[in-house]
């Protein structure tokens, strides 16, 4: 009888933990999205200073991609960008 109660409680706890993890995973998908829309003259460069902290993202996985309205893309821009690990 006590084994059955422990098994049922463990099952309920596992289902609850699984639901919480799924809810957190779904909530985190759009949490770190940022869009900067700047209208500048063609061919000019704009200096952009930013300070963003991602406590659960390792520096190796962080990158910056740039693109403009006319379709020019720059992927993984790392020149002049400093990253610090938060411990």
PDB file of N, CA and C in Angstrom:
ATOM      1  N   UNK A   1       0.819  -1.196   0.000  1.00  0.00           N
ATOM      2  CA  UNK A   1       0.000   0.000   0.000  1.00  0.00           C
ATOM      3  C   UNK A   1       0.867   1.266   0.000  1.00  0.00           C
ATOM      4  N   UNK A   2       1.913   1.303   0.852  1.00  0.00           N
ATOM      5  CA  UNK A   2       2.768   2.495   0.905  1.00  0.00           C
ATOM      6  C   UNK A   2       3.615   2.606  -0.363  1.00  0.00           C
ATOM      7  N   UNK A   3       3.979   1.474  -0.958  1.00  0.00           N
ATOM      8  CA  UNK A   3       4.725   1.500  -2.216  1.00  0.00           C
ATOM      9  C   UNK A   3       3.895   2.064  -3.353  1.00  0.00           C
ATOM     10  N   UNK A   4       2.606   1.733  -3.349  1.00  0.00           N
ATOM     11  CA  UNK A   4       1.709   2.241  -4.373  1.00  0.00           C
ATOM     12  C   UNK A   4       1.552   3.762  -4.245  1.00  0.00           C
ATOM     13  N   UNK A   5       1.440   4.250  -3.029  1.00  0.00           N
ATOM     14  CA  UNK A   5       1.290   5.691  -2.798  1.00  0.00           C
ATOM     15  C   UNK A   5       2.561   6.427  -3.214  1.00  0.00           C
ATOM     16  N   UNK A   6       3.722   5.878  -2.883  1.00  0.00           N
ATOM     17  CA  UNK A   6       4.996   6.502  -3.289  1.00  0.00           C
ATOM     18  C   UNK A   6       5.121   6.530  -4.814  1.00  0.00           C
ATOM     19  N   UNK A   7       4.717   5.454  -5.465  1.00  0.00           N
ATOM     20  CA  UNK A   7       4.786   5.401  -6.925  1.00  0.00           C
ATOM     21  C   UNK A   7       3.859   6.433  -7.558  1.00  0.00           C
ATOM     22  N   UNK A   8       2.658   6.576  -7.043  1.00  0.00           N
ATOM     23  CA  UNK A   8       1.705   7.552  -7.580  1.00  0.00           C
ATOM     24  C   UNK A   8       2.218   8.971  -7.348  1.00  0.00           C
ATOM     25  N   UNK A   9       2.741   9.248  -6.158  1.00  0.00           N
ATOM     26  CA  UNK A   9       3.295  10.572  -5.880  1.00  0.00           C
ATOM     27  C   UNK A   9       4.488  10.880  -6.782  1.00  0.00           C
ATOM     28  N   UNK A  10       5.349   9.882  -7.003  1.00  0.00           N
ATOM     29  CA  UNK A  10       6.501  10.081  -7.889  1.00  0.00           C
ATOM     30  C   UNK A  10       6.037  10.349  -9.318  1.00  0.00           C
ATOM     31  N   UNK A  11       5.030   9.645  -9.780  1.00  0.00           N
ATOM     32  CA  UNK A  11       4.497   9.854 -11.122  1.00  0.00           C
ATOM     33  C   UNK A  11       3.896  11.252 -11.261  1.00  0.00           C
ATOM     34  N   UNK A  12       3.140  11.673 -10.281  1.00  0.00           N
ATOM     35  CA  UNK A  12       2.547  13.014 -10.311  1.00  0.00           C
ATOM     36  C   UNK A  12       3.644  14.071 -10.313  1.00  0.00           C
ATOM     37  N   UNK A  13       4.675  13.885  -9.497  1.00  0.00           N
ATOM     38  CA  UNK A  13       5.785  14.836  -9.448  1.00  0.00           C
ATOM     39  C   UNK A  13       6.523  14.896 -10.784  1.00  0.00           C
ATOM     40  N   UNK A  14       6.761  13.751 -11.418  1.00  0.00           N
ATOM     41  CA  UNK A  14       7.444  13.738 -12.713  1.00  0.00           C
ATOM     42  C   UNK A  14       6.620  14.421 -13.799  1.00  0.00           C
ATOM     43  N   UNK A  15       5.321  14.189 -13.826  1.00  0.00           N
ATOM     44  CA  UNK A  15       4.462  14.835 -14.817  1.00  0.00           C
ATOM     45  C   UNK A  15       4.447  16.334 -14.587  1.00  0.00           C
ATOM     46  N   UNK A  16       4.353  16.755 -13.331  1.00  0.00           N
ATOM     47  CA  UNK A  16       4.371  18.191 -13.020  1.00  0.00           C
ATOM     48  C   UNK A  16       5.683  18.830 -13.438  1.00  0.00           C
ATOM     49  N   UNK A  17       6.821  18.178 -13.148  1.00  0.00           N
ATOM     50  CA  UNK A  17       8.128  18.713 -13.534  1.00  0.00           C
ATOM     51  C   UNK A  17       8.267  18.788 -15.054  1.00  0.00           C
ATOM     52  N   UNK A  18       7.753  17.804 -15.764  1.00  0.00           N
ATOM     53  CA  UNK A  18       7.810  17.820 -17.222  1.00  0.00           C
ATOM     54  C   UNK A  18       6.983  18.977 -17.777  1.00  0.00           C
ATOM     55  N   UNK A  19       5.816  19.224 -17.232  1.00  0.00           N
ATOM     56  CA  UNK A  19       4.977  20.331 -17.695  1.00  0.00           C
ATOM     57  C   UNK A  19       5.647  21.668 -17.430  1.00  0.00           C
ATOM     58  N   UNK A  20       6.271  21.823 -16.282  1.00  0.00           N
ATOM     59  CA  UNK A  20       6.967  23.068 -15.964  1.00  0.00           C
ATOM     60  C   UNK A  20       8.137  23.281 -16.925  1.00  0.00           C
ATOM     61  N   UNK A  21       8.908  22.250 -17.219  1.00  0.00           N
ATOM     62  CA  UNK A  21      10.039  22.371 -18.139  1.00  0.00           C
ATOM     63  C   UNK A  21       9.568  22.746 -19.546  1.00  0.00           C
ATOM     64  N   UNK A  22       8.497  22.152 -20.011  1.00  0.00           N
ATOM     65  CA  UNK A  22       7.962  22.491 -21.337  1.00  0.00           C
ATOM     66  C   UNK A  22       7.485  23.937 -21.355  1.00  0.00           C
ATOM     67  N   UNK A  23       6.808  24.375 -20.299  1.00  0.00           N
ATOM     68  CA  UNK A  23       6.324  25.748 -20.214  1.00  0.00           C
ATOM     69  C   UNK A  23       7.485  26.744 -20.223  1.00  0.00           C
ATOM     70  N   UNK A  24       8.555  26.451 -19.482  1.00  0.00           N
ATOM     71  CA  UNK A  24       9.723  27.333 -19.461  1.00  0.00           C
ATOM     72  C   UNK A  24      10.411  27.336 -20.821  1.00  0.00           C
ATOM     73  N   UNK A  25      10.538  26.178 -21.460  1.00  0.00           N
ATOM     74  CA  UNK A  25      11.171  26.087 -22.778  1.00  0.00           C
ATOM     75  C   UNK A  25      10.406  26.916 -23.807  1.00  0.00           C
ATOM     76  N   UNK A  26       9.101  26.809 -23.815  1.00  0.00           N
ATOM     77  CA  UNK A  26       8.291  27.574 -24.764  1.00  0.00           C
ATOM     78  C   UNK A  26       8.399  29.066 -24.474  1.00  0.00           C
ATOM     79  N   UNK A  27       8.435  29.448 -23.216  1.00  0.00           N
ATOM     80  CA  UNK A  27       8.539  30.852 -22.848  1.00  0.00           C
ATOM     81  C   UNK A  27       9.883  31.459 -23.180  1.00  0.00           C
ATOM     82  N   UNK A  28      10.952  30.662 -23.206  1.00  0.00           N
ATOM     83  CA  UNK A  28      12.293  31.164 -23.476  1.00  0.00           C
ATOM     84  C   UNK A  28      12.560  31.368 -24.962  1.00  0.00           C
ATOM     85  N   UNK A  29      11.747  30.814 -25.844  1.00  0.00           N
ATOM     86  CA  UNK A  29      12.015  30.871 -27.278  1.00  0.00           C
ATOM     87  C   UNK A  29      12.061  32.290 -27.819  1.00  0.00           C
ATOM     88  N   UNK A  30      11.177  33.157 -27.363  1.00  0.00           N
ATOM     89  CA  UNK A  30      11.136  34.503 -27.910  1.00  0.00           C
ATOM     90  C   UNK A  30      11.603  35.551 -26.910  1.00  0.00           C
ATOM     91  N   UNK A  31      12.226  35.135 -25.856  1.00  0.00           N
ATOM     92  CA  UNK A  31      12.610  36.059 -24.802  1.00  0.00           C
ATOM     93  C   UNK A  31      13.786  36.946 -25.191  1.00  0.00           C
ATOM     94  N   UNK A  32      14.696  36.459 -26.017  1.00  0.00           N
ATOM     95  CA  UNK A  32      15.923  37.181 -26.315  1.00  0.00           C
ATOM     96  C   UNK A  32      15.989  37.645 -27.762  1.00  0.00           C
ATOM     97  N   UNK A  33      14.940  38.210 -28.265  1.00  0.00           N
ATOM     98  CA  UNK A  33      14.923  38.697 -29.630  1.00  0.00           C
ATOM     99  C   UNK A  33      14.996  40.223 -29.613  1.00  0.00           C
ATOM    100  N   UNK A  34      15.918  40.781 -30.388  1.00  0.00           N
ATOM    101  CA  UNK A  34      16.081  42.225 -30.438  1.00  0.00           C
ATOM    102  C   UNK A  34      16.172  42.660 -31.888  1.00  0.00           C
ATOM    103  N   UNK A  35      15.496  43.749 -32.217  1.00  0.00           N
ATOM    104  CA  UNK A  35      15.543  44.295 -33.566  1.00  0.00           C
ATOM    105  C   UNK A  35      15.896  45.770 -33.461  1.00  0.00           C
ATOM    106  N   UNK A  36      16.894  46.195 -34.205  1.00  0.00           N
ATOM    107  CA  UNK A  36      17.287  47.592 -34.255  1.00  0.00           C
ATOM    108  C   UNK A  36      17.085  48.059 -35.685  1.00  0.00           C
ATOM    109  N   UNK A  37      16.240  49.043 -35.886  1.00  0.00           N
ATOM    110  CA  UNK A  37      15.940  49.563 -37.211  1.00  0.00           C
ATOM    111  C   UNK A  37      16.485  50.983 -37.295  1.00  0.00           C
ATOM    112  N   UNK A  38      17.551  51.173 -38.069  1.00  0.00           N
ATOM    113  CA  UNK A  38      18.208  52.469 -38.179  1.00  0.00           C
ATOM    114  C   UNK A  38      18.257  52.853 -39.648  1.00  0.00           C
ATOM    115  N   UNK A  39      17.765  54.021 -39.974  1.00  0.00           N
ATOM    116  CA  UNK A  39      17.784  54.511 -41.343  1.00  0.00           C
ATOM    117  C   UNK A  39      18.988  55.447 -41.494  1.00  0.00           C
ATOM    118  N   UNK A  40      20.007  55.004 -42.212  1.00  0.00           N
ATOM    119  CA  UNK A  40      21.214  55.812 -42.411  1.00  0.00           C
ATOM    120  C   UNK A  40      21.447  56.036 -43.891  1.00  0.00           C
ATOM    121  N   UNK A  41      22.388  56.875 -44.205  1.00  0.00           N
ATOM    122  CA  UNK A  41      22.732  57.122 -45.606  1.00  0.00           C
ATOM    123  C   UNK A  41      23.438  55.900 -46.182  1.00  0.00           C
ATOM    124  N   UNK A  42      23.242  55.654 -47.448  1.00  0.00           N
ATOM    125  CA  UNK A  42      23.828  54.506 -48.117  1.00  0.00           C
ATOM    126  C   UNK A  42      25.348  54.578 -48.091  1.00  0.00           C
ATOM    127  N   UNK A  43      25.990  53.503 -47.679  1.00  0.00           N
ATOM    128  CA  UNK A  43      27.441  53.424 -47.684  1.00  0.00           C
ATOM    129  C   UNK A  43      28.103  53.922 -46.415  1.00  0.00           C
ATOM    130  N   UNK A  44      27.374  54.533 -45.533  1.00  0.00           N
ATOM    131  CA  UNK A  44      27.986  55.011 -44.301  1.00  0.00           C
ATOM    132  C   UNK A  44      27.881  53.933 -43.222  1.00  0.00           C
ATOM    133  N   UNK A  45      28.775  54.014 -42.254  1.00  0.00           N
ATOM    134  CA  UNK A  45      28.753  53.058 -41.159  1.00  0.00           C
ATOM    135  C   UNK A  45      28.331  53.772 -39.892  1.00  0.00           C
ATOM    136  N   UNK A  46      27.676  53.051 -39.037  1.00  0.00           N
ATOM    137  CA  UNK A  46      27.162  53.604 -37.796  1.00  0.00           C
ATOM    138  C   UNK A  46      27.778  52.837 -36.640  1.00  0.00           C
ATOM    139  N   UNK A  47      28.337  53.557 -35.679  1.00  0.00           N
ATOM    140  CA  UNK A  47      28.878  52.908 -34.483  1.00  0.00           C
ATOM    141  C   UNK A  47      27.723  52.626 -33.530  1.00  0.00           C
ATOM    142  N   UNK A  48      27.629  51.402 -33.062  1.00  0.00           N
ATOM    143  CA  UNK A  48      26.541  50.989 -32.194  1.00  0.00           C
ATOM    144  C   UNK A  48      27.138  50.384 -30.935  1.00  0.00           C
ATOM    145  N   UNK A  49      26.872  50.998 -29.788  1.00  0.00           N
ATOM    146  CA  UNK A  49      27.330  50.482 -28.497  1.00  0.00           C
ATOM    147  C   UNK A  49      26.173  49.766 -27.818  1.00  0.00           C
ATOM    148  N   UNK A  50      26.445  48.582 -27.297  1.00  0.00           N
ATOM    149  CA  UNK A  50      25.405  47.832 -26.605  1.00  0.00           C
ATOM    150  C   UNK A  50      26.031  47.006 -25.497  1.00  0.00           C
ATOM    151  N   UNK A  51      25.244  46.718 -24.492  1.00  0.00           N
ATOM    152  CA  UNK A  51      25.665  45.894 -23.368  1.00  0.00           C
ATOM    153  C   UNK A  51      24.507  44.952 -23.061  1.00  0.00           C
ATOM    154  N   UNK A  52      24.678  43.685 -23.414  1.00  0.00           N
ATOM    155  CA  UNK A  52      23.616  42.701 -23.258  1.00  0.00           C
ATOM    156  C   UNK A  52      24.164  41.541 -22.442  1.00  0.00           C
ATOM    157  N   UNK A  53      23.400  41.080 -21.469  1.00  0.00           N
ATOM    158  CA  UNK A  53      23.794  39.945 -20.639  1.00  0.00           C
ATOM    159  C   UNK A  53      22.870  38.766 -20.899  1.00  0.00           C
ATOM    160  N   UNK A  54      23.476  37.623 -21.197  1.00  0.00           N
ATOM    161  CA  UNK A  54      22.759  36.369 -21.342  1.00  0.00           C
ATOM    162  C   UNK A  54      23.366  35.388 -20.338  1.00  0.00           C
ATOM    163  N   UNK A  55      22.827  35.299 -19.138  1.00  0.00           N
ATOM    164  CA  UNK A  55      23.460  34.491 -18.100  1.00  0.00           C
ATOM    165  C   UNK A  55      23.536  33.000 -18.420  1.00  0.00           C
ATOM    166  N   UNK A  56      22.654  32.498 -19.257  1.00  0.00           N
ATOM    167  CA  UNK A  56      22.637  31.058 -19.543  1.00  0.00           C
ATOM    168  C   UNK A  56      23.176  30.723 -20.934  1.00  0.00           C
ATOM    169  N   UNK A  57      23.876  31.666 -21.566  1.00  0.00           N
ATOM    170  CA  UNK A  57      24.430  31.436 -22.903  1.00  0.00           C
ATOM    171  C   UNK A  57      25.939  31.554 -22.838  1.00  0.00           C
ATOM    172  N   UNK A  58      26.639  30.507 -23.247  1.00  0.00           N
ATOM    173  CA  UNK A  58      28.099  30.519 -23.246  1.00  0.00           C
ATOM    174  C   UNK A  58      28.607  31.430 -24.366  1.00  0.00           C
ATOM    175  N   UNK A  59      29.725  32.075 -24.137  1.00  0.00           N
ATOM    176  CA  UNK A  59      30.277  33.045 -25.097  1.00  0.00           C
ATOM    177  C   UNK A  59      30.550  32.428 -26.472  1.00  0.00           C
ATOM    178  N   UNK A  60      30.878  31.150 -26.518  1.00  0.00           N
ATOM    179  CA  UNK A  60      31.166  30.502 -27.801  1.00  0.00           C
ATOM    180  C   UNK A  60      29.949  30.482 -28.724  1.00  0.00           C
ATOM    181  N   UNK A  61      28.751  30.544 -28.165  1.00  0.00           N
ATOM    182  CA  UNK A  61      27.533  30.458 -28.963  1.00  0.00           C
ATOM    183  C   UNK A  61      26.942  31.828 -29.285  1.00  0.00           C
ATOM    184  N   UNK A  62      27.504  32.892 -28.744  1.00  0.00           N
ATOM    185  CA  UNK A  62      26.981  34.243 -28.985  1.00  0.00           C
ATOM    186  C   UNK A  62      27.625  34.827 -30.243  1.00  0.00           C
ATOM    187  N   UNK A  63      26.805  35.378 -31.128  1.00  0.00           N
ATOM    188  CA  UNK A  63      27.331  35.999 -32.338  1.00  0.00           C
ATOM    189  C   UNK A  63      26.415  37.158 -32.724  1.00  0.00           C
ATOM    190  N   UNK A  64      26.935  38.015 -33.583  1.00  0.00           N
ATOM    191  CA  UNK A  64      26.183  39.168 -34.067  1.00  0.00           C
ATOM    192  C   UNK A  64      26.074  39.069 -35.584  1.00  0.00           C
ATOM    193  N   UNK A  65      24.863  39.160 -36.105  1.00  0.00           N
ATOM    194  CA  UNK A  65      24.616  39.183 -37.545  1.00  0.00           C
ATOM    195  C   UNK A  65      23.995  40.530 -37.892  1.00  0.00           C
ATOM    196  N   UNK A  66      24.498  41.147 -38.955  1.00  0.00           N
ATOM    197  CA  UNK A  66      23.997  42.445 -39.386  1.00  0.00           C
ATOM    198  C   UNK A  66      23.399  42.330 -40.777  1.00  0.00           C
ATOM    199  N   UNK A  67      22.296  43.033 -41.003  1.00  0.00           N
ATOM    200  CA  UNK A  67      21.725  43.119 -42.340  1.00  0.00           C
ATOM    201  C   UNK A  67      20.960  44.429 -42.451  1.00  0.00           C
ATOM    202  N   UNK A  68      20.828  44.919 -43.672  1.00  0.00           N
ATOM    203  CA  UNK A  68      20.112  46.176 -43.880  1.00  0.00           C
ATOM    204  C   UNK A  68      18.952  45.962 -44.856  1.00  0.00           C
ATOM    205  N   UNK A  69      18.240  47.029 -45.120  1.00  0.00           N
ATOM    206  CA  UNK A  69      17.031  46.924 -45.935  1.00  0.00           C
ATOM    207  C   UNK A  69      17.303  46.599 -47.393  1.00  0.00           C
ATOM    208  N   UNK A  70      18.509  46.886 -47.888  1.00  0.00           N
ATOM    209  CA  UNK A  70      18.793  46.585 -49.291  1.00  0.00           C
ATOM    210  C   UNK A  70      19.385  45.190 -49.459  1.00  0.00           C
ATOM    211  N   UNK A  71      19.485  44.434 -48.367  1.00  0.00           N
ATOM    212  CA  UNK A  71      19.871  43.037 -48.462  1.00  0.00           C
ATOM    213  C   UNK A  71      21.322  42.718 -48.198  1.00  0.00           C
ATOM    214  N   UNK A  72      22.107  43.664 -47.744  1.00  0.00           N
ATOM    215  CA  UNK A  72      23.502  43.363 -47.430  1.00  0.00           C
ATOM    216  C   UNK A  72      23.562  42.661 -46.074  1.00  0.00           C
ATOM    217  N   UNK A  73      24.261  41.533 -46.044  1.00  0.00           N
ATOM    218  CA  UNK A  73      24.373  40.745 -44.814  1.00  0.00           C
ATOM    219  C   UNK A  73      25.823  40.649 -44.384  1.00  0.00           C
ATOM    220  N   UNK A  74      26.035  40.703 -43.095  1.00  0.00           N
ATOM    221  CA  UNK A  74      27.336  40.418 -42.493  1.00  0.00           C
ATOM    222  C   UNK A  74      27.072  39.433 -41.368  1.00  0.00           C
ATOM    223  N   UNK A  75      27.571  38.211 -41.519  1.00  0.00           N
ATOM    224  CA  UNK A  75      27.324  37.173 -40.527  1.00  0.00           C
ATOM    225  C   UNK A  75      28.496  37.050 -39.566  1.00  0.00           C
ATOM    226  N   UNK A  76      28.188  36.781 -38.311  1.00  0.00           N
ATOM    227  CA  UNK A  76      29.170  36.539 -37.247  1.00  0.00           C
ATOM    228  C   UNK A  76      30.196  37.667 -37.161  1.00  0.00           C
ATOM    229  N   UNK A  77      29.720  38.871 -36.977  1.00  0.00           N
ATOM    230  CA  UNK A  77      30.593  40.039 -36.849  1.00  0.00           C
ATOM    231  C   UNK A  77      31.227  40.000 -35.466  1.00  0.00           C
ATOM    232  N   UNK A  78      32.533  39.850 -35.399  1.00  0.00           N
ATOM    233  CA  UNK A  78      33.208  39.777 -34.098  1.00  0.00           C
ATOM    234  C   UNK A  78      34.327  40.802 -33.956  1.00  0.00           C
ATOM    235  N   UNK A  79      34.631  41.545 -35.012  1.00  0.00           N
ATOM    236  CA  UNK A  79      35.664  42.577 -34.927  1.00  0.00           C
ATOM    237  C   UNK A  79      35.167  43.682 -33.995  1.00  0.00           C
ATOM    238  N   UNK A  80      35.911  44.082 -33.026  1.00  0.00           N
ATOM    239  CA  UNK A  80      35.572  45.133 -32.060  1.00  0.00           C
ATOM    240  C   UNK A  80      34.436  44.771 -31.119  1.00  0.00           C
ATOM    241  N   UNK A  81      34.113  43.492 -30.969  1.00  0.00           N
ATOM    242  CA  UNK A  81      33.095  43.067 -30.015  1.00  0.00           C
ATOM    243  C   UNK A  81      33.781  42.274 -28.911  1.00  0.00           C
ATOM    244  N   UNK A  82      33.528  42.684 -27.676  1.00  0.00           N
ATOM    245  CA  UNK A  82      34.122  42.009 -26.529  1.00  0.00           C
ATOM    246  C   UNK A  82      33.065  41.186 -25.817  1.00  0.00           C
ATOM    247  N   UNK A  83      33.450  39.967 -25.402  1.00  0.00           N
ATOM    248  CA  UNK A  83      32.541  39.085 -24.680  1.00  0.00           C
ATOM    249  C   UNK A  83      33.196  38.712 -23.356  1.00  0.00           C
ATOM    250  N   UNK A  84      32.402  38.728 -22.297  1.00  0.00           N
ATOM    251  CA  UNK A  84      32.867  38.307 -20.977  1.00  0.00           C
ATOM    252  C   UNK A  84      31.953  37.238 -20.454  1.00  0.00           C
ATOM    253  N   UNK A  85      32.539  36.209 -19.875  1.00  0.00           N
ATOM    254  CA  UNK A  85      31.738  35.148 -19.286  1.00  0.00           C
ATOM    255  C   UNK A  85      31.298  35.591 -17.898  1.00  0.00           C
ATOM    256  N   UNK A  86      30.015  35.439 -17.609  1.00  0.00           N
ATOM    257  CA  UNK A  86      29.450  35.827 -16.316  1.00  0.00           C
ATOM    258  C   UNK A  86      29.489  34.630 -15.385  1.00  0.00           C
ATOM    259  N   UNK A  87      30.335  34.659 -14.412  1.00  0.00           N
ATOM    260  CA  UNK A  87      30.391  33.568 -13.422  1.00  0.00           C
ATOM    261  C   UNK A  87      30.166  34.084 -12.038  1.00  0.00           C
TER     262      UNK A  87
END
